[in-house]
Amino acid sequence: MPEHACLLLDLDGTLIDIAPTPDSVVVPPDLPGVLVALREQLGGGLAVISGRPIAQIDALLPGVPMAVAGEHGYAVRHSLDGSVECAAAEPISADFLDAAAALVARYPGALLERKARGFVLHYRLAPEAGPVFEAFLRERLSGWPAHRLASAHMAWEVKPSGIDKGRAVREILARAPFAGRVPVFVGDDVTDEDGMEVARAMGGMGLRVQEHFGDARGVRAWLAGLVR
């Protein structure tokens, strides 16, 4: 870890293992204590940046990270007791959501996950649906610049244009206790690349889980080793 560093961590696939569905993830019992210890050791400089809504991050890691960014940076909370600040973004139209729900219903095991300004089509339990979902979403988003399509773990996500984890990193690093620190961003998938790029551009590090740690278990072991 660089001197005067702060940690910015993805959640699924980085801190916790990927599960068949978003609701079935398991938080290892020792993880919250390790993260709290690191938060204190870093003078508060520990944040979680996830594609999940902030409410879900709080449910999985209650009172743990100093700052959180949910939905890839659409919503940010800068402190443990702070208010949530949301970016300006257009909502998804009702007819688009209805069409997506109807398509998902054709594939047992597939899942539609709704978010404040987007949604995710999960196909881990229905892998044959992946190409169908991609084609459907690309067609519907053609000519619609307000939202864009992103690939995730066995899922396709529709999210607001201009909202990504790089933006979240910049937002968090603009305020205490992160301002002026060396950012270390750790993530595992395509949606984390923006955060890694910004962290590197700001003089820090962007670490991809598969290359540096192997998997989420390796990340957790590394974090435990950082605790004095």
C-alpha atoms as a PDB file:
ATOM      1  CA  MET A   1       0.000   0.000   0.000  1.00  0.00           C
ATOM      2  CA  PRO A   2       1.324   3.470  -0.841  1.00  0.00           C
ATOM      3  CA  GLU A   3       1.932   5.892   2.007  1.00  0.00           C
ATOM      4  CA  HIS A   4      -1.070   8.148   2.767  1.00  0.00           C
ATOM      5  CA  ALA A   5      -3.330   5.800   0.812  1.00  0.00           C
ATOM      6  CA  CYS A   6      -7.074   5.372   0.878  1.00  0.00           C
ATOM      7  CA  LEU A   7      -8.950   2.250  -0.223  1.00  0.00           C
ATOM      8  CA  LEU A   8     -11.822   2.202  -2.710  1.00  0.00           C
ATOM      9  CA  LEU A   9     -13.283  -1.286  -3.009  1.00  0.00           C
ATOM     10  CA  ASP A  10     -15.808  -2.946  -5.277  1.00  0.00           C
ATOM     11  CA  LEU A  11     -18.229  -5.316  -3.520  1.00  0.00           C
ATOM     12  CA  ASP A  12     -19.426  -8.352  -5.530  1.00  0.00           C
ATOM     13  CA  GLY A  13     -16.496 -10.401  -6.793  1.00  0.00           C
ATOM     14  CA  THR A  14     -14.032  -8.271  -4.831  1.00  0.00           C
ATOM     15  CA  LEU A  15     -15.044  -8.273  -1.167  1.00  0.00           C
ATOM     16  CA  ILE A  16     -17.654 -11.029  -1.386  1.00  0.00           C
ATOM     17  CA  ASP A  17     -17.935 -14.044  -3.657  1.00  0.00           C
ATOM     18  CA  ILE A  18     -20.240 -13.960  -6.670  1.00  0.00           C
ATOM     19  CA  ALA A  19     -23.493 -15.859  -6.031  1.00  0.00           C
ATOM     20  CA  PRO A  20     -26.154 -17.267  -8.377  1.00  0.00           C
ATOM     21  CA  THR A  21     -28.435 -14.293  -7.610  1.00  0.00           C
ATOM     22  CA  PRO A  22     -27.791 -10.854  -6.043  1.00  0.00           C
ATOM     23  CA  ASP A  23     -29.894 -11.783  -3.006  1.00  0.00           C
ATOM     24  CA  SER A  24     -27.987 -14.989  -2.259  1.00  0.00           C
ATOM     25  CA  VAL A  25     -24.540 -13.502  -1.572  1.00  0.00           C
ATOM     26  CA  VAL A  26     -22.912 -14.258   1.773  1.00  0.00           C
ATOM     27  CA  VAL A  27     -20.759 -11.812   3.737  1.00  0.00           C
ATOM     28  CA  PRO A  28     -17.943 -13.728   5.509  1.00  0.00           C
ATOM     29  CA  PRO A  29     -18.381 -13.202   9.261  1.00  0.00           C
ATOM     30  CA  ASP A  30     -14.909 -11.731   9.787  1.00  0.00           C
ATOM     31  CA  LEU A  31     -15.044  -9.285   6.844  1.00  0.00           C
ATOM     32  CA  PRO A  32     -16.887  -6.377   8.553  1.00  0.00           C
ATOM     33  CA  GLY A  33     -14.437  -6.370  11.455  1.00  0.00           C
ATOM     34  CA  VAL A  34     -11.442  -6.328   9.098  1.00  0.00           C
ATOM     35  CA  LEU A  35     -12.926  -3.440   7.118  1.00  0.00           C
ATOM     36  CA  VAL A  36     -13.736  -1.418  10.235  1.00  0.00           C
ATOM     37  CA  ALA A  37     -10.194  -1.945  11.497  1.00  0.00           C
ATOM     38  CA  LEU A  38      -8.808  -0.773   8.162  1.00  0.00           C
ATOM     39  CA  ARG A  39     -11.142   2.224   8.124  1.00  0.00           C
ATOM     40  CA  GLU A  40      -9.817   3.318  11.500  1.00  0.00           C
ATOM     41  CA  GLN A  41      -6.230   2.554  10.516  1.00  0.00           C
ATOM     42  CA  LEU A  42      -6.631   4.708   7.389  1.00  0.00           C
ATOM     43  CA  GLY A  43      -8.205   7.610   9.260  1.00  0.00           C
ATOM     44  CA  GLY A  44     -11.569   6.928   7.680  1.00  0.00           C
ATOM     45  CA  GLY A  45     -10.184   6.448   4.174  1.00  0.00           C
ATOM     46  CA  LEU A  46     -12.180   3.383   3.152  1.00  0.00           C
ATOM     47  CA  ALA A  47     -15.024   3.428   0.634  1.00  0.00           C
ATOM     48  CA  VAL A  48     -17.154   0.846  -1.170  1.00  0.00           C
ATOM     49  CA  ILE A  49     -18.115   1.561  -4.786  1.00  0.00           C
ATOM     50  CA  SER A  50     -20.651  -0.883  -6.199  1.00  0.00           C
ATOM     51  CA  GLY A  51     -23.252  -1.391  -8.866  1.00  0.00           C
ATOM     52  CA  ARG A  52     -25.698  -2.204  -6.085  1.00  0.00           C
ATOM     53  CA  PRO A  53     -27.983   0.482  -4.634  1.00  0.00           C
ATOM     54  CA  ILE A  54     -26.684   2.058  -1.420  1.00  0.00           C
ATOM     55  CA  ALA A  55     -29.496   0.450   0.593  1.00  0.00           C
ATOM     56  CA  GLN A  56     -28.184  -2.985  -0.373  1.00  0.00           C
ATOM     57  CA  ILE A  57     -24.590  -2.032   0.480  1.00  0.00           C
ATOM     58  CA  ASP A  58     -25.768  -0.851   3.900  1.00  0.00           C
ATOM     59  CA  ALA A  59     -27.677  -4.094   4.456  1.00  0.00           C
ATOM     60  CA  LEU A  60     -24.593  -6.181   3.655  1.00  0.00           C
ATOM     61  CA  LEU A  61     -22.018  -3.994   5.436  1.00  0.00           C
ATOM     62  CA  PRO A  62     -23.938  -1.916   7.990  1.00  0.00           C
ATOM     63  CA  GLY A  63     -21.910   0.962   9.375  1.00  0.00           C
ATOM     64  CA  VAL A  64     -18.673  -0.254   7.802  1.00  0.00           C
ATOM     65  CA  PRO A  65     -17.334   1.951   4.946  1.00  0.00           C
ATOM     66  CA  MET A  66     -16.861   5.670   5.585  1.00  0.00           C
ATOM     67  CA  ALA A  67     -18.171   6.496   2.091  1.00  0.00           C
ATOM     68  CA  VAL A  68     -20.309   4.528  -0.348  1.00  0.00           C
ATOM     69  CA  ALA A  69     -21.205   4.935  -4.003  1.00  0.00           C
ATOM     70  CA  GLY A  70     -24.107   2.922  -5.364  1.00  0.00           C
ATOM     71  CA  GLU A  71     -25.381   2.168  -8.866  1.00  0.00           C
ATOM     72  CA  HIS A  72     -21.909   2.798 -10.317  1.00  0.00           C
ATOM     73  CA  GLY A  73     -21.756   6.312  -8.884  1.00  0.00           C
ATOM     74  CA  TYR A  74     -25.312   7.498  -9.504  1.00  0.00           C
ATOM     75  CA  ALA A  75     -25.746   7.820  -5.721  1.00  0.00           C
ATOM     76  CA  VAL A  76     -22.953   8.784  -3.308  1.00  0.00           C
ATOM     77  CA  ARG A  77     -22.846   9.167   0.466  1.00  0.00           C
ATOM     78  CA  HIS A  78     -19.668  10.773   1.733  1.00  0.00           C
ATOM     79  CA  SER A  79     -19.785   9.838   5.416  1.00  0.00           C
ATOM     80  CA  LEU A  80     -21.291   7.284   7.784  1.00  0.00           C
ATOM     81  CA  ASP A  81     -24.112   9.616   8.817  1.00  0.00           C
ATOM     82  CA  GLY A  82     -24.284  11.769   5.692  1.00  0.00           C
ATOM     83  CA  SER A  83     -27.105  12.155   3.205  1.00  0.00           C
ATOM     84  CA  VAL A  84     -27.209  10.444  -0.179  1.00  0.00           C
ATOM     85  CA  GLU A  85     -26.491  12.680  -3.169  1.00  0.00           C
ATOM     86  CA  CYS A  86     -27.803  11.580  -6.568  1.00  0.00           C
ATOM     87  CA  ALA A  87     -26.641  12.633 -10.017  1.00  0.00           C
ATOM     88  CA  ALA A  88     -29.022  14.022 -12.602  1.00  0.00           C
ATOM     89  CA  ALA A  89     -30.170  11.151 -14.819  1.00  0.00           C
ATOM     90  CA  GLU A  90     -33.269  10.245 -16.774  1.00  0.00           C
ATOM     91  CA  PRO A  91     -35.454   7.383 -15.528  1.00  0.00           C
ATOM     92  CA  ILE A  92     -36.100   4.283 -17.607  1.00  0.00           C
ATOM     93  CA  SER A  93     -39.432   4.377 -19.429  1.00  0.00           C
ATOM     94  CA  ALA A  94     -42.184   2.125 -18.118  1.00  0.00           C
ATOM     95  CA  ASP A  95     -42.712   0.452 -21.482  1.00  0.00           C
ATOM     96  CA  PHE A  96     -38.998  -0.444 -21.695  1.00  0.00           C
ATOM     97  CA  LEU A  97     -39.151  -2.035 -18.234  1.00  0.00           C
ATOM     98  CA  ASP A  98     -42.349  -3.900 -19.108  1.00  0.00           C
ATOM     99  CA  ALA A  99     -40.789  -5.269 -22.301  1.00  0.00           C
ATOM    100  CA  ALA A 100     -37.679  -6.358 -20.388  1.00  0.00           C
ATOM    101  CA  ALA A 101     -39.788  -8.073 -17.720  1.00  0.00           C
ATOM    102  CA  ALA A 102     -41.786  -9.920 -20.381  1.00  0.00           C
ATOM    103  CA  LEU A 103     -38.566 -11.127 -22.025  1.00  0.00           C
ATOM    104  CA  VAL A 104     -37.067 -12.298 -18.713  1.00  0.00           C
ATOM    105  CA  ALA A 105     -40.244 -14.261 -17.942  1.00  0.00           C
ATOM    106  CA  ARG A 106     -39.540 -16.460 -20.970  1.00  0.00           C
ATOM    107  CA  TYR A 107     -36.340 -17.802 -19.394  1.00  0.00           C
ATOM    108  CA  PRO A 108     -36.728 -19.652 -16.067  1.00  0.00           C
ATOM    109  CA  GLY A 109     -33.908 -18.669 -13.737  1.00  0.00           C
ATOM    110  CA  ALA A 110     -33.304 -15.292 -15.389  1.00  0.00           C
ATOM    111  CA  LEU A 111     -33.814 -12.222 -13.242  1.00  0.00           C
ATOM    112  CA  LEU A 112     -34.719  -8.568 -13.744  1.00  0.00           C
ATOM    113  CA  GLU A 113     -33.093  -6.331 -11.107  1.00  0.00           C
ATOM    114  CA  ARG A 114     -34.563  -2.817 -11.011  1.00  0.00           C
ATOM    115  CA  LYS A 115     -32.542   0.224  -9.959  1.00  0.00           C
ATOM    116  CA  ALA A 116     -33.373   3.897  -9.517  1.00  0.00           C
ATOM    117  CA  ARG A 117     -32.203   4.896 -12.994  1.00  0.00           C
ATOM    118  CA  GLY A 118     -31.619   1.586 -14.746  1.00  0.00           C
ATOM    119  CA  PHE A 119     -31.924  -2.178 -14.493  1.00  0.00           C
ATOM    120  CA  VAL A 120     -29.979  -5.418 -14.874  1.00  0.00           C
ATOM    121  CA  LEU A 121     -30.907  -8.611 -16.709  1.00  0.00           C
ATOM    122  CA  HIS A 122     -29.186 -11.540 -14.964  1.00  0.00           C
ATOM    123  CA  TYR A 123     -28.764 -14.814 -16.857  1.00  0.00           C
ATOM    124  CA  ARG A 124     -26.368 -16.843 -14.660  1.00  0.00           C
ATOM    125  CA  LEU A 125     -29.098 -19.446 -14.108  1.00  0.00           C
ATOM    126  CA  ALA A 126     -30.271 -19.230 -17.741  1.00  0.00           C
ATOM    127  CA  PRO A 127     -27.059 -18.822 -19.804  1.00  0.00           C
ATOM    128  CA  GLU A 128     -28.874 -19.352 -23.092  1.00  0.00           C
ATOM    129  CA  ALA A 129     -30.641 -16.026 -22.509  1.00  0.00           C
ATOM    130  CA  GLY A 130     -27.436 -13.963 -22.568  1.00  0.00           C
ATOM    131  CA  PRO A 131     -27.238 -13.312 -26.341  1.00  0.00           C
ATOM    132  CA  VAL A 132     -31.003 -12.732 -26.523  1.00  0.00           C
ATOM    133  CA  PHE A 133     -30.874 -10.147 -23.737  1.00  0.00           C
ATOM    134  CA  GLU A 134     -27.928  -8.398 -25.358  1.00  0.00           C
ATOM    135  CA  ALA A 135     -29.628  -8.155 -28.763  1.00  0.00           C
ATOM    136  CA  PHE A 136     -32.875  -6.904 -27.198  1.00  0.00           C
ATOM    137  CA  LEU A 137     -31.141  -4.218 -25.157  1.00  0.00           C
ATOM    138  CA  ARG A 138     -28.891  -3.021 -27.963  1.00  0.00           C
ATOM    139  CA  GLU A 139     -31.897  -2.616 -30.235  1.00  0.00           C
ATOM    140  CA  ARG A 140     -33.931  -0.738 -27.620  1.00  0.00           C
ATOM    141  CA  LEU A 141     -31.032   1.565 -26.707  1.00  0.00           C
ATOM    142  CA  SER A 142     -30.161   2.389 -30.314  1.00  0.00           C
ATOM    143  CA  GLY A 143     -30.657   6.094 -30.785  1.00  0.00           C
ATOM    144  CA  TRP A 144     -31.292   6.634 -27.064  1.00  0.00           C
ATOM    145  CA  PRO A 145     -28.187   8.421 -25.667  1.00  0.00           C
ATOM    146  CA  ALA A 146     -29.521   8.874 -22.119  1.00  0.00           C
ATOM    147  CA  HIS A 147     -28.619   5.286 -21.197  1.00  0.00           C
ATOM    148  CA  ARG A 148     -25.960   2.805 -22.217  1.00  0.00           C
ATOM    149  CA  LEU A 149     -25.400  -0.935 -22.058  1.00  0.00           C
ATOM    150  CA  ALA A 150     -22.696  -2.482 -19.868  1.00  0.00           C
ATOM    151  CA  SER A 151     -21.559  -6.074 -19.476  1.00  0.00           C
ATOM    152  CA  ALA A 152     -21.329  -7.562 -15.971  1.00  0.00           C
ATOM    153  CA  HIS A 153     -20.951 -11.029 -14.403  1.00  0.00           C
ATOM    154  CA  MET A 154     -23.418 -13.122 -16.447  1.00  0.00           C
ATOM    155  CA  ALA A 155     -25.623 -10.054 -16.774  1.00  0.00           C
ATOM    156  CA  TRP A 156     -26.383  -7.063 -18.967  1.00  0.00           C
ATOM    157  CA  GLU A 157     -26.950  -3.721 -17.286  1.00  0.00           C
ATOM    158  CA  VAL A 158     -28.676  -0.602 -18.574  1.00  0.00           C
ATOM    159  CA  LYS A 159     -27.370   2.475 -16.757  1.00  0.00           C
ATOM    160  CA  PRO A 160     -27.304   6.246 -17.275  1.00  0.00           C
ATOM    161  CA  SER A 161     -24.740   7.613 -19.712  1.00  0.00           C
ATOM    162  CA  GLY A 162     -21.955   9.536 -18.009  1.00  0.00           C
ATOM    163  CA  ILE A 163     -22.396   7.643 -14.738  1.00  0.00           C
ATOM    164  CA  ASP A 164     -19.577   5.218 -13.944  1.00  0.00           C
ATOM    165  CA  LYS A 165     -17.204   4.206 -11.158  1.00  0.00           C
ATOM    166  CA  GLY A 166     -14.609   6.673 -12.389  1.00  0.00           C
ATOM    167  CA  ARG A 167     -17.028   9.461 -11.599  1.00  0.00           C
ATOM    168  CA  ALA A 168     -17.627   7.900  -8.203  1.00  0.00           C
ATOM    169  CA  VAL A 169     -13.890   7.857  -7.463  1.00  0.00           C
ATOM    170  CA  ARG A 170     -13.566  11.546  -8.349  1.00  0.00           C
ATOM    171  CA  GLU A 171     -16.590  12.454  -6.210  1.00  0.00           C
ATOM    172  CA  ILE A 172     -15.286  10.596  -3.160  1.00  0.00           C
ATOM    173  CA  LEU A 173     -11.714  11.873  -3.482  1.00  0.00           C
ATOM    174  CA  ALA A 174     -12.954  15.462  -3.558  1.00  0.00           C
ATOM    175  CA  ARG A 175     -13.910  15.399   0.129  1.00  0.00           C
ATOM    176  CA  ALA A 176     -12.382  14.573   3.496  1.00  0.00           C
ATOM    177  CA  PRO A 177     -11.082  12.176   4.641  1.00  0.00           C
ATOM    178  CA  PHE A 178     -10.154  11.074   1.106  1.00  0.00           C
ATOM    179  CA  ALA A 179      -8.998  14.404  -0.374  1.00  0.00           C
ATOM    180  CA  GLY A 180      -5.256  14.540  -0.930  1.00  0.00           C
ATOM    181  CA  ARG A 181      -4.795  10.812  -0.361  1.00  0.00           C
ATOM    182  CA  VAL A 182      -3.329   8.249  -2.787  1.00  0.00           C
ATOM    183  CA  PRO A 183      -6.276   6.195  -4.134  1.00  0.00           C
ATOM    184  CA  VAL A 184      -6.062   2.406  -4.360  1.00  0.00           C
ATOM    185  CA  PHE A 185      -9.064   1.032  -6.270  1.00  0.00           C
ATOM    186  CA  VAL A 186      -9.700  -2.720  -6.295  1.00  0.00           C
ATOM    187  CA  GLY A 187     -12.286  -4.273  -8.624  1.00  0.00           C
ATOM    188  CA  ASP A 188     -12.959  -7.388 -10.630  1.00  0.00           C
ATOM    189  CA  ASP A 189     -15.022  -6.691 -13.743  1.00  0.00           C
ATOM    190  CA  VAL A 190     -15.500  -4.391 -16.730  1.00  0.00           C
ATOM    191  CA  THR A 191     -17.548  -1.856 -14.761  1.00  0.00           C
ATOM    192  CA  ASP A 192     -14.562  -1.356 -12.418  1.00  0.00           C
ATOM    193  CA  GLU A 193     -12.148  -0.365 -15.183  1.00  0.00           C
ATOM    194  CA  ASP A 194     -13.284   3.281 -15.091  1.00  0.00           C
ATOM    195  CA  GLY A 195     -12.521   3.457 -11.376  1.00  0.00           C
ATOM    196  CA  MET A 196      -9.107   1.880 -11.850  1.00  0.00           C
ATOM    197  CA  GLU A 197      -8.264   4.305 -14.649  1.00  0.00           C
ATOM    198  CA  VAL A 198      -9.168   7.363 -12.580  1.00  0.00           C
ATOM    199  CA  ALA A 199      -7.260   6.074  -9.546  1.00  0.00           C
ATOM    200  CA  ARG A 200      -4.142   5.612 -11.678  1.00  0.00           C
ATOM    201  CA  ALA A 201      -4.571   9.039 -13.303  1.00  0.00           C
ATOM    202  CA  MET A 202      -4.687  10.589  -9.831  1.00  0.00           C
ATOM    203  CA  GLY A 203      -1.361   9.045  -8.892  1.00  0.00           C
ATOM    204  CA  GLY A 204      -2.725   5.909  -7.262  1.00  0.00           C
ATOM    205  CA  MET A 205      -3.265   2.274  -8.154  1.00  0.00           C
ATOM    206  CA  GLY A 206      -5.976   0.315  -9.948  1.00  0.00           C
ATOM    207  CA  LEU A 207      -5.825  -3.374  -9.051  1.00  0.00           C
ATOM    208  CA  ARG A 208      -7.807  -6.004 -10.921  1.00  0.00           C
ATOM    209  CA  VAL A 209      -8.744  -8.892  -8.640  1.00  0.00           C
ATOM    210  CA  GLN A 210      -7.957 -11.697 -11.084  1.00  0.00           C
ATOM    211  CA  GLU A 211      -4.462 -10.375 -11.810  1.00  0.00           C
ATOM    212  CA  HIS A 212      -3.351  -9.417  -8.308  1.00  0.00           C
ATOM    213  CA  PHE A 213      -5.345 -11.584  -5.895  1.00  0.00           C
ATOM    214  CA  GLY A 214      -6.911 -14.442  -7.865  1.00  0.00           C
ATOM    215  CA  ASP A 215     -10.383 -14.060  -6.397  1.00  0.00           C
ATOM    216  CA  ALA A 216     -12.369 -12.416  -3.600  1.00  0.00           C
ATOM    217  CA  ARG A 217     -10.842 -14.778  -1.034  1.00  0.00           C
ATOM    218  CA  GLY A 218      -7.409 -13.488  -2.028  1.00  0.00           C
ATOM    219  CA  VAL A 219      -8.601  -9.893  -1.619  1.00  0.00           C
ATOM    220  CA  ARG A 220      -9.936 -10.645   1.850  1.00  0.00           C
ATOM    221  CA  ALA A 221      -6.648 -12.274   2.848  1.00  0.00           C
ATOM    222  CA  TRP A 222      -4.732  -9.212   1.604  1.00  0.00           C
ATOM    223  CA  LEU A 223      -6.996  -6.838   3.514  1.00  0.00           C
ATOM    224  CA  ALA A 224      -6.615  -8.891   6.698  1.00  0.00           C
ATOM    225  CA  GLY A 225      -2.859  -8.715   6.246  1.00  0.00           C
ATOM    226  CA  LEU A 226      -2.990  -4.913   6.043  1.00  0.00           C
ATOM    227  CA  VAL A 227      -4.528  -4.668   9.509  1.00  0.00           C
ATOM    228  CA  ARG A 228      -1.805  -3.919  12.026  1.00  0.00           C
END
